[in-house]
C-alpha atoms as a PDB file:
ATOM      1  CA  MET A   1     102.918  77.587   8.136  1.00  0.00           C
ATOM      2  CA  PRO A   2     101.751  81.156   8.059  1.00  0.00           C
ATOM      3  CA  SER A   3     101.294  83.004  11.356  1.00  0.00           C
ATOM      4  CA  ALA A   4     100.574  86.350  12.628  1.00  0.00           C
ATOM      5  CA  SER A   5      99.790  88.167  15.914  1.00  0.00           C
ATOM      6  CA  VAL A   6      98.196  91.433  17.025  1.00  0.00           C
ATOM      7  CA  THR A   7      98.216  93.316  20.487  1.00  0.00           C
ATOM      8  CA  ILE A   8      95.146  95.361  21.291  1.00  0.00           C
ATOM      9  CA  THR A   9      94.099  97.139  24.634  1.00  0.00           C
ATOM     10  CA  CYS A  10      90.506  97.426  25.871  1.00  0.00           C
ATOM     11  CA  ASP A  11      88.616  98.780  28.797  1.00  0.00           C
ATOM     12  CA  GLN A  12      87.683  95.749  30.277  1.00  0.00           C
ATOM     13  CA  SER A  13      89.067  93.704  33.177  1.00  0.00           C
ATOM     14  CA  PRO A  14      91.017  90.454  32.261  1.00  0.00           C
ATOM     15  CA  SER A  15      88.148  88.418  33.961  1.00  0.00           C
ATOM     16  CA  ARG A  16      85.516  90.051  31.725  1.00  0.00           C
ATOM     17  CA  VAL A  17      87.775  89.730  28.704  1.00  0.00           C
ATOM     18  CA  LYS A  18      88.078  85.970  29.373  1.00  0.00           C
ATOM     19  CA  SER A  19      84.376  85.663  29.839  1.00  0.00           C
ATOM     20  CA  ALA A  20      83.691  87.333  26.389  1.00  0.00           C
ATOM     21  CA  LEU A  21      86.273  85.430  24.683  1.00  0.00           C
ATOM     22  CA  THR A  22      84.934  82.006  25.887  1.00  0.00           C
ATOM     23  CA  ASP A  23      81.246  83.002  24.708  1.00  0.00           C
ATOM     24  CA  LEU A  24      80.960  81.514  21.422  1.00  0.00           C
ATOM     25  CA  SER A  25      78.305  84.117  20.214  1.00  0.00           C
ATOM     26  CA  PHE A  26      80.891  86.757  20.943  1.00  0.00           C
ATOM     27  CA  ILE A  27      83.534  84.983  18.904  1.00  0.00           C
ATOM     28  CA  ALA A  28      81.112  84.512  15.845  1.00  0.00           C
ATOM     29  CA  SER A  29      80.352  88.149  15.855  1.00  0.00           C
ATOM     30  CA  ALA A  30      84.005  89.190  16.060  1.00  0.00           C
ATOM     31  CA  VAL A  31      85.420  87.222  13.331  1.00  0.00           C
ATOM     32  CA  PRO A  32      84.625  88.559   9.954  1.00  0.00           C
ATOM     33  CA  ASP A  33      84.429  85.490   7.856  1.00  0.00           C
ATOM     34  CA  LEU A  34      82.766  83.192  10.549  1.00  0.00           C
ATOM     35  CA  LYS A  35      79.280  82.688   9.355  1.00  0.00           C
ATOM     36  CA  SER A  36      78.143  80.539  12.227  1.00  0.00           C
ATOM     37  CA  VAL A  37      79.143  78.736  15.340  1.00  0.00           C
ATOM     38  CA  GLU A  38      77.307  75.426  16.360  1.00  0.00           C
ATOM     39  CA  LYS A  39      78.145  74.570  19.961  1.00  0.00           C
ATOM     40  CA  LEU A  40      78.756  70.947  20.653  1.00  0.00           C
ATOM     41  CA  THR A  41      80.032  70.933  24.286  1.00  0.00           C
ATOM     42  CA  GLU A  42      81.414  73.851  26.743  1.00  0.00           C
ATOM     43  CA  THR A  43      84.793  73.519  24.825  1.00  0.00           C
ATOM     44  CA  LYS A  44      83.904  72.295  21.432  1.00  0.00           C
ATOM     45  CA  ALA A  45      82.169  73.671  18.340  1.00  0.00           C
ATOM     46  CA  ILE A  46      81.847  73.764  14.781  1.00  0.00           C
ATOM     47  CA  TRP A  47      82.916  76.851  13.034  1.00  0.00           C
ATOM     48  CA  ASN A  48      81.434  77.564   9.573  1.00  0.00           C
ATOM     49  CA  ALA A  49      83.638  80.027   7.734  1.00  0.00           C
ATOM     50  CA  GLN A  50      83.297  81.635   4.270  1.00  0.00           C
ATOM     51  CA  VAL A  51      86.625  81.290   2.316  1.00  0.00           C
ATOM     52  CA  LYS A  52      87.543  83.047  -0.740  1.00  0.00           C
ATOM     53  CA  PHE A  53      90.429  81.936  -2.885  1.00  0.00           C
ATOM     54  CA  GLY A  54      90.511  84.117  -6.004  1.00  0.00           C
ATOM     55  CA  PHE A  55      86.999  83.505  -7.776  1.00  0.00           C
ATOM     56  CA  ILE A  56      86.450  80.398  -5.622  1.00  0.00           C
ATOM     57  CA  GLU A  57      84.215  80.953  -2.808  1.00  0.00           C
ATOM     58  CA  LYS A  58      83.226  78.078  -0.244  1.00  0.00           C
ATOM     59  CA  ILE A  59      81.935  77.631   3.238  1.00  0.00           C
ATOM     60  CA  ILE A  60      83.988  75.410   5.190  1.00  0.00           C
ATOM     61  CA  ALA A  61      83.397  73.763   8.483  1.00  0.00           C
ATOM     62  CA  MET A  62      86.062  73.258  11.110  1.00  0.00           C
ATOM     63  CA  GLU A  63      85.802  71.550  14.403  1.00  0.00           C
ATOM     64  CA  SER A  64      87.254  73.894  17.083  1.00  0.00           C
ATOM     65  CA  GLU A  65      88.171  73.152  20.598  1.00  0.00           C
ATOM     66  CA  VAL A  66      89.476  75.186  23.464  1.00  0.00           C
ATOM     67  CA  THR A  67      92.727  73.565  24.303  1.00  0.00           C
ATOM     68  CA  LYS A  68      93.845  76.015  27.335  1.00  0.00           C
ATOM     69  CA  SER A  69      91.917  78.070  29.529  1.00  0.00           C
ATOM     70  CA  THR A  70      93.529  79.907  32.477  1.00  0.00           C
ATOM     71  CA  GLU A  71      92.918  83.301  33.886  1.00  0.00           C
ATOM     72  CA  SER A  72      95.682  84.805  31.559  1.00  0.00           C
ATOM     73  CA  GLU A  73      95.586  82.755  28.407  1.00  0.00           C
ATOM     74  CA  ILE A  74      93.085  80.987  26.147  1.00  0.00           C
ATOM     75  CA  GLY A  75      94.287  78.329  23.532  1.00  0.00           C
ATOM     76  CA  PHE A  76      92.284  76.819  20.671  1.00  0.00           C
ATOM     77  CA  ARG A  77      92.684  74.622  17.805  1.00  0.00           C
ATOM     78  CA  ALA A  78      90.267  74.635  14.736  1.00  0.00           C
ATOM     79  CA  GLU A  79      90.519  71.649  12.149  1.00  0.00           C
ATOM     80  CA  GLY A  80      88.840  70.965   8.861  1.00  0.00           C
ATOM     81  CA  SER A  81      89.554  69.182   5.622  1.00  0.00           C
ATOM     82  CA  GLU A  82      91.039  71.974   4.110  1.00  0.00           C
ATOM     83  CA  ALA A  83      93.051  73.670   7.056  1.00  0.00           C
ATOM     84  CA  ALA A  84      93.974  73.833  10.555  1.00  0.00           C
ATOM     85  CA  ILE A  85      94.278  76.943  12.767  1.00  0.00           C
ATOM     86  CA  ASN A  86      96.096  77.029  16.109  1.00  0.00           C
ATOM     87  CA  GLY A  87      95.671  80.143  18.133  1.00  0.00           C
ATOM     88  CA  SER A  88      95.971  81.676  21.602  1.00  0.00           C
ATOM     89  CA  VAL A  89      94.937  84.927  23.335  1.00  0.00           C
ATOM     90  CA  LEU A  90      97.271  86.133  26.181  1.00  0.00           C
ATOM     91  CA  ILE A  91      95.441  88.444  28.581  1.00  0.00           C
ATOM     92  CA  LYS A  92      97.271  91.033  30.776  1.00  0.00           C
ATOM     93  CA  PRO A  93      95.872  93.560  33.210  1.00  0.00           C
ATOM     94  CA  VAL A  94      97.115  96.972  32.629  1.00  0.00           C
ATOM     95  CA  ALA A  95      96.588 100.277  34.386  1.00  0.00           C
ATOM     96  CA  GLY A  96      92.939 101.512  35.023  1.00  0.00           C
ATOM     97  CA  GLY A  97      91.359  98.247  35.159  1.00  0.00           C
ATOM     98  CA  LYS A  98      91.995  97.684  31.455  1.00  0.00           C
ATOM     99  CA  SER A  99      93.438  94.665  29.722  1.00  0.00           C
ATOM    100  CA  GLU A 100      95.923  94.027  27.101  1.00  0.00           C
ATOM    101  CA  LEU A 101      95.478  91.226  24.614  1.00  0.00           C
ATOM    102  CA  ILE A 102      97.869  89.528  22.387  1.00  0.00           C
ATOM    103  CA  LEU A 103      96.215  87.439  19.825  1.00  0.00           C
ATOM    104  CA  ALA A 104      98.301  84.869  17.929  1.00  0.00           C
ATOM    105  CA  LEU A 105      97.232  82.666  14.986  1.00  0.00           C
ATOM    106  CA  ALA A 106      98.994  79.996  12.976  1.00  0.00           C
ATOM    107  CA  PHE A 107      97.521  78.628   9.688  1.00  0.00           C
ATOM    108  CA  GLU A 108      98.252  75.272   7.972  1.00  0.00           C
ATOM    109  CA  GLY A 109      96.659  74.200   4.650  1.00  0.00           C
ATOM    110  CA  LYS A 110      96.021  70.676   3.861  1.00  0.00           C
ATOM    111  CA  GLY A 111      95.705  68.363   1.043  1.00  0.00           C
ATOM    112  CA  PRO A 112      97.266  68.516  -2.391  1.00  0.00           C
ATOM    113  CA  LEU A 113      96.921  72.369  -2.618  1.00  0.00           C
ATOM    114  CA  LYS A 114      98.760  72.964   0.820  1.00  0.00           C
ATOM    115  CA  ALA A 115     101.623  74.785  -0.647  1.00  0.00           C
ATOM    116  CA  ILE A 116      99.533  77.233  -2.681  1.00  0.00           C
ATOM    117  CA  ILE A 117      97.003  77.603   0.119  1.00  0.00           C
ATOM    118  CA  ASP A 118      99.618  78.381   2.634  1.00  0.00           C
ATOM    119  CA  ASN A 119     101.162  81.057   0.196  1.00  0.00           C
ATOM    120  CA  HIS A 120      98.099  82.826  -0.295  1.00  0.00           C
ATOM    121  CA  MET A 121      97.323  82.780   3.424  1.00  0.00           C
ATOM    122  CA  ARG A 122     100.689  84.506   4.484  1.00  0.00           C
ATOM    123  CA  LYS A 123      99.494  87.917   3.646  1.00  0.00           C
ATOM    124  CA  LYS A 124      95.733  87.214   4.201  1.00  0.00           C
ATOM    125  CA  LEU A 125      96.440  86.043   7.762  1.00  0.00           C
ATOM    126  CA  ARG A 126      98.282  89.358   8.586  1.00  0.00           C
ATOM    127  CA  ASP A 127      95.406  91.312   7.171  1.00  0.00           C
ATOM    128  CA  ASP A 128      92.797  89.242   8.792  1.00  0.00           C
ATOM    129  CA  ILE A 129      94.285  89.201  12.102  1.00  0.00           C
ATOM    130  CA  GLN A 130      94.302  93.053  12.295  1.00  0.00           C
ATOM    131  CA  LYS A 131      90.676  93.060  11.253  1.00  0.00           C
ATOM    132  CA  VAL A 132      89.859  90.476  13.944  1.00  0.00           C
ATOM    133  CA  GLY A 133      91.807  92.435  16.520  1.00  0.00           C
ATOM    134  CA  ARG A 134      89.857  95.782  15.733  1.00  0.00           C
ATOM    135  CA  ASN A 135      86.668  93.871  15.995  1.00  0.00           C
ATOM    136  CA  ILE A 136      87.336  92.283  19.371  1.00  0.00           C
ATOM    137  CA  GLU A 137      88.694  95.480  20.612  1.00  0.00           C
ATOM    138  CA  GLU A 138      85.523  97.445  19.481  1.00  0.00           C
ATOM    139  CA  LYS A 139      83.212  94.796  20.812  1.00  0.00           C
ATOM    140  CA  LEU A 140      84.950  94.465  24.179  1.00  0.00           C
ATOM    141  CA  ASN A 141      84.867  98.191  24.672  1.00  0.00           C
ATOM    142  CA  ALA A 142      81.172  98.159  24.029  1.00  0.00           C
ATOM    143  CA  LEU A 143      80.419  95.702  26.635  1.00  0.00           C
ATOM    144  CA  THR A 144      78.447  96.846  29.550  1.00  0.00           C
ATOM    145  CA  LEU A 145      78.403  95.326  32.886  1.00  0.00           C
END
């Protein structure tokens, strides 16, 4: 199962970070290949993501759910017919009212092409998590009270 993590620091307090990261529109704007988010409940949504694999391009739907929500950690799972993603964000206060975030993702392909999909996602996940981390950092730093 491919996995990757990234650590970022932002100019927002941990409570402000948690508020932003539990806002579905904020998440949709920060994840590059996430085309839309359809809110089902306060903790569940459908993520519609654009996926490219070689010359194949497809929009996949994944039902996502917040699995943990504390002051210092957010956990989630997204699952669709092609893949499942488990993730977490650890939020730590740092000097000057800032926050450090550790974003971790694990990806698991499904179906008859699971081994090929997982192999392809090993490098892609490392690259993607860096992009997501930069986007989240930029968007959090741009927030105003």
